N, C-alpha and C. Protein backbone atom coordinates (compact mmCIF):
# COMPACT_ATOMS: atom_id res chain seq x y z
N UNK A 1 9.67 18.38 -0.80
CA UNK A 1 9.38 17.77 0.49
C UNK A 1 10.23 16.49 0.60
N UNK A 2 11.00 16.38 1.66
CA UNK A 2 11.81 15.17 1.84
C UNK A 2 10.99 14.09 2.56
N UNK A 3 11.61 12.92 2.72
CA UNK A 3 10.91 11.77 3.29
C UNK A 3 10.36 12.07 4.69
N UNK A 4 11.16 12.69 5.53
CA UNK A 4 10.73 13.01 6.90
C UNK A 4 9.52 13.95 6.85
N UNK A 5 9.58 14.94 5.99
CA UNK A 5 8.46 15.88 5.85
C UNK A 5 7.20 15.17 5.35
N UNK A 6 7.38 14.19 4.45
CA UNK A 6 6.22 13.44 3.97
C UNK A 6 5.59 12.62 5.10
N UNK A 7 6.42 12.00 5.93
CA UNK A 7 5.89 11.25 7.08
C UNK A 7 5.10 12.17 8.01
N UNK A 8 5.67 13.31 8.33
CA UNK A 8 4.98 14.26 9.21
C UNK A 8 3.69 14.76 8.56
N UNK A 9 3.74 14.99 7.24
CA UNK A 9 2.57 15.45 6.52
C UNK A 9 1.44 14.43 6.62
N UNK A 10 1.77 13.15 6.46
CA UNK A 10 0.75 12.09 6.55
C UNK A 10 0.15 12.07 7.95
N UNK A 11 0.99 12.19 8.95
CA UNK A 11 0.48 12.17 10.32
C UNK A 11 -0.44 13.36 10.57
N UNK A 12 -0.06 14.52 10.06
CA UNK A 12 -0.91 15.71 10.19
C UNK A 12 -2.19 15.54 9.38
N UNK A 13 -2.08 14.99 8.18
CA UNK A 13 -3.24 14.76 7.32
C UNK A 13 -4.26 13.85 8.01
N UNK A 14 -3.75 12.85 8.73
CA UNK A 14 -4.63 11.92 9.43
C UNK A 14 -5.03 12.44 10.81
N UNK A 15 -4.53 13.63 11.16
CA UNK A 15 -4.84 14.24 12.44
C UNK A 15 -4.52 13.30 13.60
N UNK A 16 -3.34 12.67 13.52
CA UNK A 16 -2.94 11.69 14.53
C UNK A 16 -1.74 12.18 15.32
N UNK A 17 -1.74 11.88 16.60
CA UNK A 17 -0.54 12.08 17.40
C UNK A 17 0.45 10.99 17.03
N UNK A 18 1.69 11.12 17.46
CA UNK A 18 2.66 10.06 17.21
C UNK A 18 2.17 8.74 17.80
N UNK A 19 1.59 8.82 18.98
CA UNK A 19 1.10 7.61 19.65
C UNK A 19 -0.04 6.95 18.87
N UNK A 20 -0.99 7.75 18.41
CA UNK A 20 -2.12 7.20 17.63
C UNK A 20 -1.64 6.62 16.30
N UNK A 21 -0.74 7.34 15.66
CA UNK A 21 -0.19 6.90 14.38
C UNK A 21 0.55 5.57 14.55
N UNK A 22 1.35 5.48 15.59
CA UNK A 22 2.10 4.26 15.87
C UNK A 22 1.17 3.09 16.14
N UNK A 23 0.13 3.33 16.92
CA UNK A 23 -0.82 2.26 17.24
C UNK A 23 -1.49 1.72 15.98
N UNK A 24 -1.86 2.61 15.08
CA UNK A 24 -2.48 2.20 13.82
C UNK A 24 -1.54 1.31 13.01
N UNK A 25 -0.24 1.61 13.06
CA UNK A 25 0.75 0.85 12.30
C UNK A 25 1.29 -0.36 13.06
N UNK A 26 0.92 -0.48 14.33
CA UNK A 26 1.38 -1.62 15.12
C UNK A 26 2.84 -1.51 15.54
N UNK A 27 3.28 -0.28 15.77
CA UNK A 27 4.67 -0.05 16.21
C UNK A 27 4.65 0.90 17.40
N UNK A 28 5.83 1.19 17.95
CA UNK A 28 5.89 2.05 19.12
C UNK A 28 5.95 3.53 18.73
N UNK A 29 5.53 4.37 19.67
CA UNK A 29 5.59 5.82 19.47
C UNK A 29 7.04 6.25 19.30
N UNK A 30 7.94 5.59 20.01
CA UNK A 30 9.36 5.92 19.93
C UNK A 30 9.87 5.72 18.50
N UNK A 31 9.38 4.68 17.84
CA UNK A 31 9.79 4.42 16.45
C UNK A 31 9.37 5.57 15.55
N UNK A 32 8.14 6.05 15.71
CA UNK A 32 7.67 7.20 14.92
C UNK A 32 8.55 8.41 15.20
N UNK A 33 8.84 8.64 16.45
CA UNK A 33 9.69 9.76 16.83
C UNK A 33 11.06 9.67 16.16
N UNK A 34 11.65 8.49 16.17
CA UNK A 34 12.96 8.29 15.53
C UNK A 34 12.89 8.54 14.02
N UNK A 35 11.80 8.10 13.39
CA UNK A 35 11.65 8.35 11.95
C UNK A 35 11.60 9.85 11.69
N UNK A 36 10.79 10.55 12.48
CA UNK A 36 10.60 11.98 12.26
C UNK A 36 11.85 12.79 12.60
N UNK A 37 12.74 12.23 13.39
CA UNK A 37 14.01 12.87 13.70
C UNK A 37 15.10 12.48 12.70
N UNK A 38 14.79 11.50 11.84
CA UNK A 38 15.78 11.02 10.89
C UNK A 38 16.79 10.06 11.49
N UNK A 39 16.51 9.55 12.68
CA UNK A 39 17.43 8.63 13.36
C UNK A 39 17.31 7.21 12.81
N UNK A 40 16.14 6.84 12.35
CA UNK A 40 15.88 5.53 11.75
C UNK A 40 14.99 5.73 10.54
N UNK A 41 14.96 4.70 9.68
CA UNK A 41 14.04 4.71 8.54
C UNK A 41 13.17 3.47 8.61
N UNK A 42 11.92 3.59 8.22
CA UNK A 42 11.02 2.43 8.26
C UNK A 42 11.39 1.41 7.18
N UNK A 43 11.06 0.15 7.46
CA UNK A 43 11.24 -0.90 6.47
C UNK A 43 10.13 -0.80 5.45
N UNK A 44 10.37 -1.34 4.26
CA UNK A 44 9.39 -1.26 3.17
C UNK A 44 8.05 -1.88 3.57
N UNK A 45 8.07 -2.96 4.33
CA UNK A 45 6.80 -3.59 4.74
C UNK A 45 5.98 -2.64 5.61
N UNK A 46 6.64 -1.88 6.46
CA UNK A 46 5.94 -0.91 7.29
C UNK A 46 5.36 0.21 6.43
N UNK A 47 6.11 0.61 5.42
CA UNK A 47 5.60 1.64 4.50
C UNK A 47 4.39 1.12 3.73
N UNK A 48 4.40 -0.16 3.39
CA UNK A 48 3.23 -0.74 2.70
C UNK A 48 2.01 -0.73 3.62
N UNK A 49 2.22 -1.05 4.88
CA UNK A 49 1.11 -1.02 5.84
C UNK A 49 0.57 0.40 5.94
N UNK A 50 1.46 1.37 6.06
CA UNK A 50 1.06 2.77 6.14
C UNK A 50 0.27 3.16 4.89
N UNK A 51 0.76 2.76 3.74
CA UNK A 51 0.08 3.05 2.48
C UNK A 51 -1.32 2.45 2.45
N UNK A 52 -1.43 1.19 2.84
CA UNK A 52 -2.73 0.50 2.83
C UNK A 52 -3.70 1.09 3.84
N UNK A 53 -3.23 1.36 5.05
CA UNK A 53 -4.11 1.85 6.12
C UNK A 53 -4.69 3.22 5.81
N UNK A 54 -3.88 4.09 5.19
CA UNK A 54 -4.31 5.47 5.00
C UNK A 54 -4.59 5.84 3.54
N UNK A 55 -4.44 4.88 2.62
CA UNK A 55 -4.70 5.16 1.21
C UNK A 55 -3.67 6.07 0.57
N UNK A 56 -2.44 5.99 1.07
CA UNK A 56 -1.35 6.83 0.57
C UNK A 56 -0.66 6.11 -0.59
N UNK A 57 -0.31 6.84 -1.62
CA UNK A 57 0.43 6.30 -2.75
C UNK A 57 1.84 5.94 -2.28
N UNK A 58 2.19 4.66 -2.33
CA UNK A 58 3.50 4.20 -1.85
C UNK A 58 4.63 4.85 -2.63
N UNK A 59 4.46 5.01 -3.93
CA UNK A 59 5.50 5.65 -4.75
C UNK A 59 5.73 7.09 -4.28
N UNK A 60 4.65 7.82 -4.00
CA UNK A 60 4.78 9.19 -3.49
C UNK A 60 5.49 9.18 -2.14
N UNK A 61 5.10 8.26 -1.28
CA UNK A 61 5.69 8.20 0.05
C UNK A 61 7.20 8.02 -0.02
N UNK A 62 7.65 7.13 -0.89
CA UNK A 62 9.07 6.82 -0.99
C UNK A 62 9.85 7.89 -1.75
N UNK A 63 9.28 8.37 -2.87
CA UNK A 63 10.04 9.26 -3.76
C UNK A 63 9.58 10.71 -3.75
N UNK A 64 8.35 10.95 -3.32
CA UNK A 64 7.79 12.29 -3.41
C UNK A 64 7.19 12.59 -4.77
N UNK A 65 7.19 11.59 -5.65
CA UNK A 65 6.66 11.79 -7.01
C UNK A 65 5.30 11.13 -7.15
N UNK A 66 4.45 11.73 -7.97
CA UNK A 66 3.12 11.18 -8.20
C UNK A 66 2.10 11.81 -7.27
N UNK A 67 0.94 11.22 -7.26
CA UNK A 67 -0.17 11.71 -6.44
C UNK A 67 0.00 11.25 -4.99
N UNK A 68 -0.46 12.06 -4.07
CA UNK A 68 -0.38 11.77 -2.64
C UNK A 68 -1.28 10.59 -2.26
N UNK A 69 -2.52 10.62 -2.73
CA UNK A 69 -3.49 9.58 -2.37
C UNK A 69 -3.68 8.60 -3.52
N UNK A 70 -4.00 7.37 -3.15
CA UNK A 70 -4.32 6.33 -4.12
C UNK A 70 -5.80 6.43 -4.43
N UNK A 71 -6.16 6.20 -5.69
CA UNK A 71 -7.57 6.14 -6.04
C UNK A 71 -8.24 5.06 -5.21
N UNK A 72 -9.43 5.30 -4.73
CA UNK A 72 -10.10 4.36 -3.84
C UNK A 72 -10.24 2.97 -4.43
N UNK A 73 -10.52 2.85 -5.72
CA UNK A 73 -10.72 1.55 -6.33
C UNK A 73 -9.45 0.95 -6.91
N UNK A 74 -8.32 1.67 -6.80
CA UNK A 74 -7.08 1.15 -7.35
C UNK A 74 -6.59 -0.03 -6.50
N UNK A 75 -6.30 -1.14 -7.16
CA UNK A 75 -5.78 -2.32 -6.47
C UNK A 75 -4.30 -2.41 -6.81
N UNK A 76 -3.46 -2.49 -5.79
CA UNK A 76 -2.03 -2.43 -6.02
C UNK A 76 -1.36 -3.79 -6.18
N UNK A 77 -2.00 -4.86 -5.75
CA UNK A 77 -1.32 -6.14 -5.80
C UNK A 77 -2.31 -7.29 -5.86
N UNK A 78 -1.80 -8.45 -6.27
CA UNK A 78 -2.63 -9.64 -6.26
C UNK A 78 -3.02 -10.01 -4.83
N UNK A 79 -2.11 -9.78 -3.89
CA UNK A 79 -2.42 -10.06 -2.48
C UNK A 79 -3.59 -9.19 -2.01
N UNK A 80 -3.63 -7.96 -2.49
CA UNK A 80 -4.75 -7.08 -2.16
C UNK A 80 -6.06 -7.63 -2.70
N UNK A 81 -6.02 -8.16 -3.92
CA UNK A 81 -7.21 -8.79 -4.50
C UNK A 81 -7.61 -10.02 -3.71
N UNK A 82 -6.61 -10.80 -3.32
CA UNK A 82 -6.88 -12.03 -2.55
C UNK A 82 -7.63 -11.70 -1.27
N UNK A 83 -7.14 -10.69 -0.56
CA UNK A 83 -7.79 -10.28 0.69
C UNK A 83 -9.18 -9.70 0.44
N UNK A 84 -9.26 -8.80 -0.53
CA UNK A 84 -10.52 -8.10 -0.78
C UNK A 84 -11.64 -9.05 -1.19
N UNK A 85 -11.30 -10.05 -2.01
CA UNK A 85 -12.32 -10.96 -2.54
C UNK A 85 -12.24 -12.36 -1.95
N UNK A 86 -11.42 -12.54 -0.91
CA UNK A 86 -11.30 -13.83 -0.22
C UNK A 86 -11.01 -14.96 -1.21
N UNK A 87 -10.01 -14.76 -2.06
CA UNK A 87 -9.65 -15.74 -3.08
C UNK A 87 -8.78 -16.85 -2.50
N UNK A 88 -8.93 -18.03 -3.05
CA UNK A 88 -8.05 -19.14 -2.68
C UNK A 88 -6.74 -18.98 -3.44
N UNK A 89 -5.73 -19.74 -3.05
CA UNK A 89 -4.45 -19.70 -3.76
C UNK A 89 -4.62 -20.13 -5.21
N UNK A 90 -5.48 -21.12 -5.44
CA UNK A 90 -5.73 -21.60 -6.80
C UNK A 90 -6.38 -20.51 -7.65
N UNK A 91 -7.35 -19.81 -7.07
CA UNK A 91 -8.01 -18.71 -7.79
C UNK A 91 -7.02 -17.58 -8.08
N UNK A 92 -6.16 -17.31 -7.11
CA UNK A 92 -5.16 -16.26 -7.28
C UNK A 92 -4.18 -16.62 -8.40
N UNK A 93 -3.78 -17.89 -8.45
CA UNK A 93 -2.88 -18.35 -9.51
C UNK A 93 -3.54 -18.19 -10.87
N UNK A 94 -4.80 -18.58 -10.98
CA UNK A 94 -5.54 -18.45 -12.23
C UNK A 94 -5.65 -16.97 -12.64
N UNK A 95 -5.97 -16.13 -11.68
CA UNK A 95 -6.08 -14.69 -11.96
C UNK A 95 -4.75 -14.14 -12.46
N UNK A 96 -3.66 -14.53 -11.83
CA UNK A 96 -2.34 -14.09 -12.25
C UNK A 96 -2.05 -14.53 -13.68
N UNK A 97 -2.40 -15.76 -14.01
CA UNK A 97 -2.20 -16.26 -15.38
C UNK A 97 -3.02 -15.45 -16.38
N UNK A 98 -4.25 -15.12 -16.02
CA UNK A 98 -5.10 -14.33 -16.91
C UNK A 98 -4.56 -12.91 -17.10
N UNK A 99 -4.04 -12.34 -16.02
CA UNK A 99 -3.52 -10.98 -16.10
C UNK A 99 -2.23 -10.90 -16.90
N UNK A 100 -1.44 -11.95 -16.86
CA UNK A 100 -0.13 -11.91 -17.51
C UNK A 100 -0.11 -12.55 -18.89
N UNK A 101 -1.21 -13.14 -19.31
CA UNK A 101 -1.23 -13.82 -20.61
C UNK A 101 -2.41 -13.34 -21.47
N UNK A 102 -2.13 -12.47 -22.44
CA UNK A 102 -3.20 -12.01 -23.33
C UNK A 102 -3.87 -13.17 -24.07
N UNK A 103 -3.09 -14.19 -24.40
CA UNK A 103 -3.65 -15.35 -25.11
C UNK A 103 -4.69 -16.07 -24.25
N UNK A 104 -4.39 -16.25 -22.99
CA UNK A 104 -5.32 -16.94 -22.09
C UNK A 104 -6.58 -16.10 -21.86
N UNK A 105 -6.41 -14.78 -21.77
CA UNK A 105 -7.59 -13.91 -21.62
C UNK A 105 -8.49 -14.02 -22.84
N UNK A 106 -7.88 -13.99 -24.01
CA UNK A 106 -8.65 -14.08 -25.25
C UNK A 106 -9.37 -15.43 -25.34
N UNK A 107 -8.67 -16.50 -24.97
CA UNK A 107 -9.28 -17.84 -25.01
C UNK A 107 -10.46 -17.91 -24.04
N UNK A 108 -10.31 -17.35 -22.85
CA UNK A 108 -11.40 -17.36 -21.87
C UNK A 108 -12.59 -16.56 -22.37
N UNK A 109 -12.33 -15.40 -22.95
CA UNK A 109 -13.43 -14.58 -23.49
C UNK A 109 -14.16 -15.31 -24.60
N UNK A 110 -13.42 -15.99 -25.46
CA UNK A 110 -14.04 -16.77 -26.54
C UNK A 110 -14.89 -17.90 -25.97
N UNK A 111 -14.41 -18.54 -24.93
CA UNK A 111 -15.13 -19.63 -24.28
C UNK A 111 -16.43 -19.12 -23.65
N UNK A 112 -16.39 -17.94 -23.08
CA UNK A 112 -17.56 -17.38 -22.40
C UNK A 112 -18.62 -16.85 -23.36
N UNK A 113 -18.26 -16.62 -24.61
CA UNK A 113 -19.22 -16.07 -25.58
C UNK A 113 -20.25 -17.07 -26.01
């Protein structure tokens, strides 16, 4: 399945017309039509919105590899965590440090014991 076929598949999967699909993504119906004709390609940010709105695996959307749908509880980014849990920038920075530093995680766990 090529990229155009994957886009059409998602639209069919969501049972959306081009107009409905475009409205959900905040773009024009003409843009969807151009994508499906291969006249234009969406920007990565638009693909991320599509992935987030419909629970589509971004890697699958771009490459055709992997699973079609994202696991419901799978979090793809720190920004997703920030939105989901209404984190401040300071909390997000701390979370990033904990995720990227095994030493800091271990120290925090020892402190909490």
